[in-house]
Amino acid sequence: MLEKKIVINSKFLKVFSEDELKDIMDNATSISADCIVIATENNYFELSADVNDELDIHCDEHNNLSARKLSKDEFMTLYKSSPLMSTVKLSLNE
């Protein structure tokens, strides 16, 4: 199967190191040029580069249904402390 390389917004590399970004992308539920979504057992994260001049990191907590904006350090702590939610990856032919 042919895998296309995703070109991502440069804002991601202004916030995360290449190693951090590789880990995040390897564990992402969904990736586009401007948005990375990660679902863990405790949280749903959306890293968005398409709105402002800065990268926005949002977190929705599963337990109390609260949504908030996070700093990089807050995100990394929550991301690393919660197991990833199991997902099914599909590949559709175009």
N, C-alpha and C. Protein backbone atom coordinates (compact mmCIF):
# COMPACT_ATOMS: atom_id res chain seq x y z
N MET A 1 0.84 -1.17 0.00
CA MET A 1 0.00 0.00 0.00
C MET A 1 0.89 1.24 0.00
N LEU A 2 0.52 2.21 -0.78
CA LEU A 2 1.27 3.44 -0.87
C LEU A 2 0.89 4.37 0.26
N GLU A 3 1.88 4.87 0.97
CA GLU A 3 1.61 5.79 2.07
C GLU A 3 2.06 7.18 1.67
N LYS A 4 1.16 8.15 1.76
CA LYS A 4 1.49 9.52 1.40
C LYS A 4 2.12 10.22 2.59
N LYS A 5 3.14 11.02 2.31
CA LYS A 5 3.77 11.80 3.36
C LYS A 5 2.93 13.05 3.63
N ILE A 6 2.67 13.32 4.89
CA ILE A 6 1.86 14.47 5.27
C ILE A 6 2.78 15.67 5.48
N VAL A 7 2.46 16.76 4.81
CA VAL A 7 3.18 18.00 5.02
C VAL A 7 2.42 18.77 6.09
N ILE A 8 3.10 19.08 7.19
CA ILE A 8 2.41 19.74 8.29
C ILE A 8 2.80 21.20 8.40
N ASN A 9 1.95 21.96 9.03
CA ASN A 9 2.16 23.38 9.25
C ASN A 9 3.43 23.59 10.09
N SER A 10 4.22 24.58 9.74
CA SER A 10 5.48 24.84 10.44
C SER A 10 5.29 25.25 11.90
N LYS A 11 4.09 25.66 12.29
CA LYS A 11 3.83 26.03 13.69
C LYS A 11 4.07 24.86 14.64
N PHE A 12 3.86 23.63 14.15
CA PHE A 12 4.08 22.45 15.00
C PHE A 12 5.55 22.35 15.41
N LEU A 13 6.45 22.64 14.48
CA LEU A 13 7.88 22.54 14.79
C LEU A 13 8.40 23.74 15.57
N LYS A 14 7.61 24.80 15.66
CA LYS A 14 7.99 25.92 16.52
C LYS A 14 7.70 25.61 17.98
N VAL A 15 6.80 24.66 18.22
CA VAL A 15 6.41 24.31 19.59
C VAL A 15 7.06 23.00 20.04
N PHE A 16 7.08 22.00 19.16
CA PHE A 16 7.58 20.68 19.51
C PHE A 16 8.90 20.38 18.81
N SER A 17 9.75 19.61 19.48
CA SER A 17 10.97 19.13 18.83
C SER A 17 10.58 18.09 17.78
N GLU A 18 11.48 17.75 16.90
CA GLU A 18 11.19 16.74 15.89
C GLU A 18 10.84 15.40 16.52
N ASP A 19 11.56 15.03 17.58
CA ASP A 19 11.28 13.76 18.26
C ASP A 19 9.90 13.77 18.92
N GLU A 20 9.56 14.89 19.58
CA GLU A 20 8.23 15.00 20.19
C GLU A 20 7.14 14.92 19.13
N LEU A 21 7.33 15.63 18.03
CA LEU A 21 6.32 15.65 16.97
C LEU A 21 6.18 14.28 16.33
N LYS A 22 7.28 13.57 16.14
CA LYS A 22 7.21 12.22 15.58
C LYS A 22 6.40 11.30 16.50
N ASP A 23 6.65 11.39 17.80
CA ASP A 23 5.90 10.57 18.76
C ASP A 23 4.41 10.93 18.73
N ILE A 24 4.11 12.20 18.70
CA ILE A 24 2.72 12.65 18.66
C ILE A 24 2.04 12.15 17.39
N MET A 25 2.70 12.29 16.25
CA MET A 25 2.10 11.86 14.98
C MET A 25 1.96 10.34 14.91
N ASP A 26 2.91 9.62 15.48
CA ASP A 26 2.83 8.16 15.50
C ASP A 26 1.62 7.67 16.30
N ASN A 27 1.19 8.46 17.28
CA ASN A 27 0.09 8.06 18.16
C ASN A 27 -1.21 8.81 17.87
N ALA A 28 -1.22 9.63 16.84
CA ALA A 28 -2.40 10.44 16.53
C ALA A 28 -3.54 9.58 16.00
N THR A 29 -4.73 10.03 16.29
CA THR A 29 -5.94 9.40 15.76
C THR A 29 -6.20 9.91 14.35
N SER A 30 -5.90 11.20 14.14
CA SER A 30 -6.13 11.84 12.85
C SER A 30 -5.08 12.94 12.65
N ILE A 31 -4.59 13.07 11.41
CA ILE A 31 -3.58 14.09 11.09
C ILE A 31 -3.94 14.76 9.78
N SER A 32 -3.87 16.09 9.79
CA SER A 32 -3.94 16.86 8.55
C SER A 32 -2.83 17.89 8.61
N ALA A 33 -2.70 18.70 7.60
CA ALA A 33 -1.63 19.69 7.57
C ALA A 33 -1.71 20.65 8.74
N ASP A 34 -2.93 20.99 9.17
CA ASP A 34 -3.11 22.00 10.21
C ASP A 34 -3.69 21.48 11.52
N CYS A 35 -3.94 20.20 11.62
CA CYS A 35 -4.60 19.69 12.82
C CYS A 35 -4.15 18.26 13.13
N ILE A 36 -3.87 18.03 14.40
CA ILE A 36 -3.55 16.68 14.89
C ILE A 36 -4.51 16.38 16.03
N VAL A 37 -5.16 15.23 15.96
CA VAL A 37 -6.10 14.80 16.99
C VAL A 37 -5.56 13.53 17.64
N ILE A 38 -5.61 13.51 18.97
CA ILE A 38 -5.16 12.34 19.73
C ILE A 38 -6.24 12.00 20.75
N ALA A 39 -6.64 10.74 20.78
CA ALA A 39 -7.60 10.28 21.78
C ALA A 39 -6.89 9.35 22.75
N THR A 40 -6.91 9.72 24.02
CA THR A 40 -6.39 8.85 25.07
C THR A 40 -7.58 8.39 25.91
N GLU A 41 -7.33 7.50 26.85
CA GLU A 41 -8.42 7.01 27.69
C GLU A 41 -9.03 8.11 28.55
N ASN A 42 -8.25 9.15 28.85
CA ASN A 42 -8.73 10.22 29.73
C ASN A 42 -9.08 11.51 29.00
N ASN A 43 -8.47 11.73 27.84
CA ASN A 43 -8.60 13.03 27.18
C ASN A 43 -8.68 12.90 25.67
N TYR A 44 -9.23 13.94 25.08
CA TYR A 44 -9.26 14.11 23.63
C TYR A 44 -8.52 15.41 23.36
N PHE A 45 -7.42 15.34 22.59
CA PHE A 45 -6.60 16.50 22.32
C PHE A 45 -6.74 16.93 20.87
N GLU A 46 -6.78 18.23 20.66
CA GLU A 46 -6.74 18.77 19.30
C GLU A 46 -5.66 19.84 19.26
N LEU A 47 -4.66 19.61 18.40
CA LEU A 47 -3.59 20.56 18.20
C LEU A 47 -3.86 21.24 16.86
N SER A 48 -4.15 22.52 16.90
CA SER A 48 -4.62 23.21 15.71
C SER A 48 -3.71 24.38 15.35
N ALA A 49 -3.29 24.41 14.08
CA ALA A 49 -2.38 25.45 13.60
C ALA A 49 -3.04 26.37 12.59
N ASP A 50 -4.34 26.25 12.41
CA ASP A 50 -4.98 27.00 11.32
C ASP A 50 -5.74 28.24 11.75
N VAL A 51 -5.77 28.56 13.05
CA VAL A 51 -6.61 29.67 13.49
C VAL A 51 -5.81 30.95 13.73
N ASN A 52 -4.88 30.93 14.63
CA ASN A 52 -4.13 32.13 15.03
C ASN A 52 -2.70 32.05 14.54
N ASP A 53 -1.89 32.98 15.04
CA ASP A 53 -0.47 32.96 14.72
C ASP A 53 0.26 31.89 15.52
N GLU A 54 -0.38 31.38 16.57
CA GLU A 54 0.23 30.38 17.43
C GLU A 54 -0.50 29.05 17.30
N LEU A 55 0.18 28.00 17.71
CA LEU A 55 -0.43 26.68 17.77
C LEU A 55 -1.38 26.63 18.97
N ASP A 56 -2.62 26.21 18.75
CA ASP A 56 -3.58 26.05 19.84
C ASP A 56 -3.66 24.58 20.22
N ILE A 57 -3.60 24.32 21.52
CA ILE A 57 -3.71 22.96 22.04
C ILE A 57 -4.94 22.92 22.94
N HIS A 58 -5.95 22.16 22.53
CA HIS A 58 -7.18 22.05 23.29
C HIS A 58 -7.32 20.63 23.85
N CYS A 59 -7.94 20.55 25.01
CA CYS A 59 -8.14 19.27 25.68
C CYS A 59 -9.58 19.16 26.15
N ASP A 60 -10.24 18.08 25.81
CA ASP A 60 -11.55 17.74 26.36
C ASP A 60 -11.34 16.52 27.25
N GLU A 61 -11.67 16.67 28.53
CA GLU A 61 -11.52 15.55 29.46
C GLU A 61 -12.77 14.68 29.41
N HIS A 62 -12.58 13.37 29.30
CA HIS A 62 -13.70 12.43 29.22
C HIS A 62 -14.50 12.38 30.53
N ASN A 63 -13.82 12.48 31.66
CA ASN A 63 -14.47 12.28 32.96
C ASN A 63 -15.45 13.39 33.33
N ASN A 64 -15.07 14.64 33.09
CA ASN A 64 -15.95 15.73 33.53
C ASN A 64 -16.41 16.62 32.38
N LEU A 65 -16.16 16.22 31.17
CA LEU A 65 -16.62 16.92 29.98
C LEU A 65 -16.19 18.39 29.94
N SER A 66 -15.04 18.69 30.52
CA SER A 66 -14.54 20.06 30.47
C SER A 66 -13.58 20.21 29.30
N ALA A 67 -13.59 21.39 28.72
CA ALA A 67 -12.68 21.71 27.61
C ALA A 67 -11.84 22.90 28.03
N ARG A 68 -10.56 22.84 27.69
CA ARG A 68 -9.69 23.96 28.02
C ARG A 68 -8.50 24.01 27.09
N LYS A 69 -7.89 25.17 27.04
CA LYS A 69 -6.68 25.36 26.25
C LYS A 69 -5.49 25.04 27.14
N LEU A 70 -4.49 24.34 26.57
CA LEU A 70 -3.32 23.91 27.33
C LEU A 70 -2.05 24.55 26.82
N SER A 71 -1.07 24.64 27.71
CA SER A 71 0.29 24.98 27.30
C SER A 71 0.95 23.70 26.80
N LYS A 72 2.10 23.83 26.18
CA LYS A 72 2.83 22.65 25.71
C LYS A 72 3.14 21.72 26.88
N ASP A 73 3.63 22.27 27.99
CA ASP A 73 4.01 21.45 29.14
C ASP A 73 2.80 20.72 29.73
N GLU A 74 1.66 21.41 29.84
CA GLU A 74 0.45 20.75 30.34
C GLU A 74 0.03 19.62 29.41
N PHE A 75 0.07 19.89 28.09
CA PHE A 75 -0.28 18.86 27.12
C PHE A 75 0.63 17.64 27.24
N MET A 76 1.93 17.87 27.26
CA MET A 76 2.87 16.75 27.30
C MET A 76 2.66 15.91 28.56
N THR A 77 2.39 16.55 29.69
CA THR A 77 2.15 15.82 30.93
C THR A 77 0.91 14.94 30.82
N LEU A 78 -0.19 15.53 30.34
CA LEU A 78 -1.43 14.76 30.20
C LEU A 78 -1.32 13.69 29.13
N TYR A 79 -0.70 14.02 28.02
CA TYR A 79 -0.53 13.08 26.90
C TYR A 79 0.28 11.87 27.32
N LYS A 80 1.37 12.10 28.04
CA LYS A 80 2.25 11.00 28.45
C LYS A 80 1.67 10.18 29.61
N SER A 81 0.73 10.76 30.37
CA SER A 81 0.23 10.05 31.55
C SER A 81 -1.05 9.25 31.30
N SER A 82 -1.59 9.32 30.11
CA SER A 82 -2.83 8.60 29.83
C SER A 82 -2.63 7.62 28.68
N PRO A 83 -3.03 6.37 28.86
CA PRO A 83 -2.90 5.39 27.77
C PRO A 83 -3.72 5.81 26.55
N LEU A 84 -3.21 5.50 25.39
CA LEU A 84 -3.93 5.80 24.16
C LEU A 84 -5.19 4.97 24.07
N MET A 85 -6.21 5.56 23.49
CA MET A 85 -7.46 4.85 23.26
C MET A 85 -7.24 3.96 22.03
N SER A 86 -7.71 2.76 22.09
CA SER A 86 -7.54 1.88 20.93
C SER A 86 -8.42 2.38 19.80
N THR A 87 -7.87 2.40 18.61
CA THR A 87 -8.60 2.89 17.44
C THR A 87 -8.43 1.91 16.29
N VAL A 88 -9.30 2.02 15.35
CA VAL A 88 -9.23 1.24 14.13
C VAL A 88 -8.78 2.17 13.03
N LYS A 89 -7.71 1.82 12.32
CA LYS A 89 -7.23 2.65 11.24
C LYS A 89 -7.68 2.05 9.92
N LEU A 90 -8.31 2.86 9.13
CA LEU A 90 -8.81 2.42 7.83
C LEU A 90 -8.06 3.15 6.73
N SER A 91 -7.88 2.46 5.64
CA SER A 91 -7.29 3.08 4.47
C SER A 91 -8.27 2.89 3.31
N LEU A 92 -8.69 3.99 2.77
CA LEU A 92 -9.65 3.93 1.67
C LEU A 92 -8.96 4.22 0.35
N ASN A 93 -9.29 3.46 -0.66
CA ASN A 93 -8.73 3.73 -1.98
C ASN A 93 -9.43 4.94 -2.57
N GLU A 94 -8.64 5.79 -3.18
CA GLU A 94 -9.21 6.99 -3.78
C GLU A 94 -9.73 6.73 -5.15
